[in-house]
Each structure stands twice: as structure tokens, then as C-alpha cells.
């Protein structure tokens, strides 16, 4: 199978959103997807808040990896991998590994000292893959999310 890993273009965002929704549906969280094509276009291309790489197979986007820079008080600038998604029908073809390598290259090319991401503890295949590449799963660190309701609850009112 021939494929190209490349930077996403604005016109790819509809297929990127399809991938996001496919993953959310697989995890029984489709109703939680609020982002729109317009959000992806604005934040990725107008505001430069993220970089997206895609796996293009004969003009169809079959996988994506979305990254952005963060700043660590210990390490300095880091790259955060928000999501790496490959269509279910294309898993096992090497697309995920190729996207992963592109993310690592992107981090290296930008001189970061750490690339970080979150993986579901139930995703044993991904955990094994990541560990085999030298990544370390930090069991002692917990991911924390504050959703919109919590944000509103914590707004300081005068």
C-alpha cells in the first residue's frame, strides 16, 4: 500500500473531523465531540494553535496526528500529541507507526526535550507499541480534566 504522510491542509479538515468522530464513536463518546470543521480550520490554520499530520492513501485521509507546543517548567518547550487516529479499517497497515514517527521527527526538528501524550489504559496494543519505541508510561501521573461546568463553578466573581 502506498501512502503519504504530510501536513494537513485546510481542505482536509472535513476528513480529519470524520476521523475524530469515528474514534469517539468507537469509545462510545460521539456525543462529546463539540468541535466543528470551522473550529479546526480557525484554530489550526488561522490561529496556528496546532499542527496536523495526515496519512493520505490515494487522496483519502486514513489517519491523522494532531500536535501542539506546550511549555514545561522542568523541560522547556515540549510537543503534546493530542490524538493519533487511524481508521479502524486501516489499522495494522503501518499508518499509525508512520504518523507516530512524523510526530517524533517534528519534535526533534523543533528541539524539544519531551513529547507527551495520554493513552487509555485499556489500549494495550498502543501501550505495548509506545513502550517498544522507548516511551515511558507514567503510572504515577494522573490526567486531570476540568469541563465547562467546573470552569463556570470556579470563575471568581467580584
Protein backbone atom coordinates (compact mmCIF):
# COMPACT_ATOMS: atom_id res chain seq x y z
CA UNK A 1 0.00 0.00 0.00
CA UNK A 2 1.34 3.38 -0.97
CA UNK A 3 0.67 6.36 1.28
CA UNK A 4 1.99 9.81 2.04
CA UNK A 5 2.41 11.35 5.49
CA UNK A 6 2.09 15.09 5.08
CA UNK A 7 0.97 18.24 6.83
CA UNK A 8 -2.77 18.64 6.72
CA UNK A 9 -4.34 21.32 4.57
CA UNK A 10 -7.40 23.36 5.40
CA UNK A 11 -9.44 21.30 2.95
CA UNK A 12 -8.52 18.10 4.85
CA UNK A 13 -10.35 19.19 7.99
CA UNK A 14 -13.66 17.58 7.00
CA UNK A 15 -11.92 14.19 6.78
CA UNK A 16 -9.99 14.90 9.99
CA UNK A 17 -13.29 15.57 11.76
CA UNK A 18 -14.62 12.27 10.38
CA UNK A 19 -11.66 10.50 11.99
CA UNK A 20 -12.24 12.29 15.30
CA UNK A 21 -15.89 11.25 15.25
CA UNK A 22 -15.03 7.67 14.27
CA UNK A 23 -12.74 7.36 17.28
CA UNK A 24 -15.29 8.98 19.60
CA UNK A 25 -17.98 6.58 18.37
CA UNK A 26 -15.64 3.63 18.91
CA UNK A 27 -15.15 4.80 22.51
CA UNK A 28 -18.91 5.42 22.96
CA UNK A 29 -18.39 9.19 23.31
CA UNK A 30 -19.63 10.55 19.99
CA UNK A 31 -21.99 12.93 21.81
CA UNK A 32 -18.96 14.56 23.47
CA UNK A 33 -17.48 15.81 20.18
CA UNK A 34 -18.24 19.52 20.01
CA UNK A 35 -15.50 20.68 17.66
CA UNK A 36 -16.53 21.66 14.12
CA UNK A 37 -14.76 21.88 10.79
CA UNK A 38 -14.80 25.66 11.26
CA UNK A 39 -13.12 25.29 14.68
CA UNK A 40 -10.41 23.08 13.20
CA UNK A 41 -9.82 25.48 10.31
CA UNK A 42 -9.74 28.57 12.53
CA UNK A 43 -7.58 27.14 15.30
CA UNK A 44 -5.22 25.19 13.08
CA UNK A 45 -4.79 27.48 10.13
CA UNK A 46 -5.88 30.99 11.12
CA UNK A 47 -4.59 30.97 14.71
CA UNK A 48 -1.81 28.38 14.36
CA UNK A 49 -2.77 26.61 17.60
CA UNK A 50 -1.95 23.13 16.32
CA UNK A 51 -0.20 21.21 13.57
CA UNK A 52 -1.91 18.23 12.00
CA UNK A 53 -0.27 15.47 10.00
CA UNK A 54 -2.34 13.13 7.84
CA UNK A 55 -1.88 9.75 6.23
CA UNK A 56 -3.07 10.19 2.66
CA UNK A 57 -3.89 6.97 0.81
CA UNK A 58 -4.86 7.70 -2.80
CA UNK A 59 -6.42 11.04 -1.88
CA UNK A 60 -8.33 9.76 1.17
CA UNK A 61 -7.25 10.71 4.68
CA UNK A 62 -6.97 7.40 6.56
CA UNK A 63 -5.15 8.67 9.64
CA UNK A 64 -4.14 11.82 11.46
CA UNK A 65 -1.94 13.07 14.28
CA UNK A 66 -2.66 16.43 15.91
CA UNK A 67 0.08 18.12 17.95
CA UNK A 68 0.80 21.44 19.60
CA UNK A 69 3.52 23.04 21.69
CA UNK A 70 3.33 23.21 25.46
CA UNK A 71 5.78 24.58 27.99
CA UNK A 72 7.16 22.50 30.83
CA UNK A 73 8.62 24.24 33.86
CA UNK A 74 11.13 21.36 34.00
CA UNK A 75 11.96 20.82 30.33
CA UNK A 76 11.03 23.97 28.44
CA UNK A 77 9.10 23.68 25.20
CA UNK A 78 7.52 20.28 24.58
CA UNK A 79 5.24 18.79 21.97
CA UNK A 80 1.89 17.40 23.05
CA UNK A 81 0.32 14.72 20.85
CA UNK A 82 -3.40 15.28 21.33
CA UNK A 83 -4.60 12.44 19.15
CA UNK A 84 -3.25 9.89 16.73
CA UNK A 85 -6.13 8.23 14.89
CA UNK A 86 -6.17 5.63 12.14
CA UNK A 87 -9.41 4.46 10.59
CA UNK A 88 -10.39 1.11 12.03
CA UNK A 89 -10.29 -0.48 8.58
CA UNK A 90 -6.66 0.66 8.14
CA UNK A 91 -5.23 -0.40 11.50
CA UNK A 92 -2.30 -2.78 11.22
CA UNK A 93 -1.13 -1.32 7.91
CA UNK A 94 1.71 0.77 9.34
CA UNK A 95 -0.07 4.12 9.02
CA UNK A 96 -0.13 4.64 12.79
CA UNK A 97 3.58 3.96 13.09
CA UNK A 98 4.34 6.30 10.21
CA UNK A 99 2.29 9.10 11.78
CA UNK A 100 3.98 8.46 15.13
CA UNK A 101 7.43 8.73 13.52
CA UNK A 102 6.37 12.01 11.89
CA UNK A 103 5.39 13.40 15.30
CA UNK A 104 8.75 12.33 16.78
CA UNK A 105 10.58 13.91 13.83
CA UNK A 106 8.55 17.12 14.27
CA UNK A 107 9.53 17.27 17.94
CA UNK A 108 13.17 16.56 17.13
CA UNK A 109 13.24 19.16 14.36
CA UNK A 110 11.92 21.74 16.84
CA UNK A 111 14.47 20.84 19.50
CA UNK A 112 12.03 19.77 22.19
CA UNK A 113 13.22 17.69 25.11
CA UNK A 114 9.94 15.85 25.57
CA UNK A 115 6.95 14.64 23.58
CA UNK A 116 3.95 13.79 25.72
CA UNK A 117 0.52 12.29 25.27
CA UNK A 118 -2.15 10.33 27.06
CA UNK A 119 -3.08 6.73 26.27
CA UNK A 120 -6.10 4.87 27.58
CA UNK A 121 -5.10 2.12 30.00
CA UNK A 122 -7.38 -0.20 28.03
CA UNK A 123 -5.45 0.33 24.79
CA UNK A 124 -2.95 -2.48 25.38
CA UNK A 125 -1.74 -2.56 21.76
CA UNK A 126 -0.85 1.14 21.82
CA UNK A 127 0.83 0.86 25.22
CA UNK A 128 2.99 -2.03 24.01
CA UNK A 129 3.83 -0.15 20.81
CA UNK A 130 4.81 3.01 22.70
CA UNK A 131 6.92 1.13 25.23
CA UNK A 132 8.72 -0.69 22.41
CA UNK A 133 9.70 2.69 20.95
CA UNK A 134 11.27 3.87 24.22
CA UNK A 135 8.30 5.83 25.59
CA UNK A 136 7.64 5.51 29.30
CA UNK A 137 4.09 5.16 30.64
CA UNK A 138 3.88 7.27 33.81
CA UNK A 139 1.52 5.40 36.13
CA UNK A 140 2.24 7.84 38.94
CA UNK A 141 0.81 10.81 36.99
CA UNK A 142 -2.92 11.30 36.58
CA UNK A 143 -4.59 13.23 33.78
CA UNK A 144 -6.90 15.93 35.07
CA UNK A 145 -9.76 17.49 33.08
CA UNK A 146 -11.98 20.35 34.10
CA UNK A 147 -15.02 20.54 31.86
CA UNK A 148 -17.14 23.63 31.17
CA UNK A 149 -19.30 23.19 34.27
CA UNK A 150 -16.24 23.13 36.52
CA UNK A 151 -14.80 26.16 34.77
CA UNK A 152 -18.01 28.11 35.37
CA UNK A 153 -18.11 26.99 39.00
CA UNK A 154 -14.59 28.31 39.58
CA UNK A 155 -14.95 31.73 37.97
CA UNK A 156 -14.06 34.39 40.52
CA UNK A 157 -16.91 36.85 40.79
CA UNK A 158 -16.37 40.38 42.07
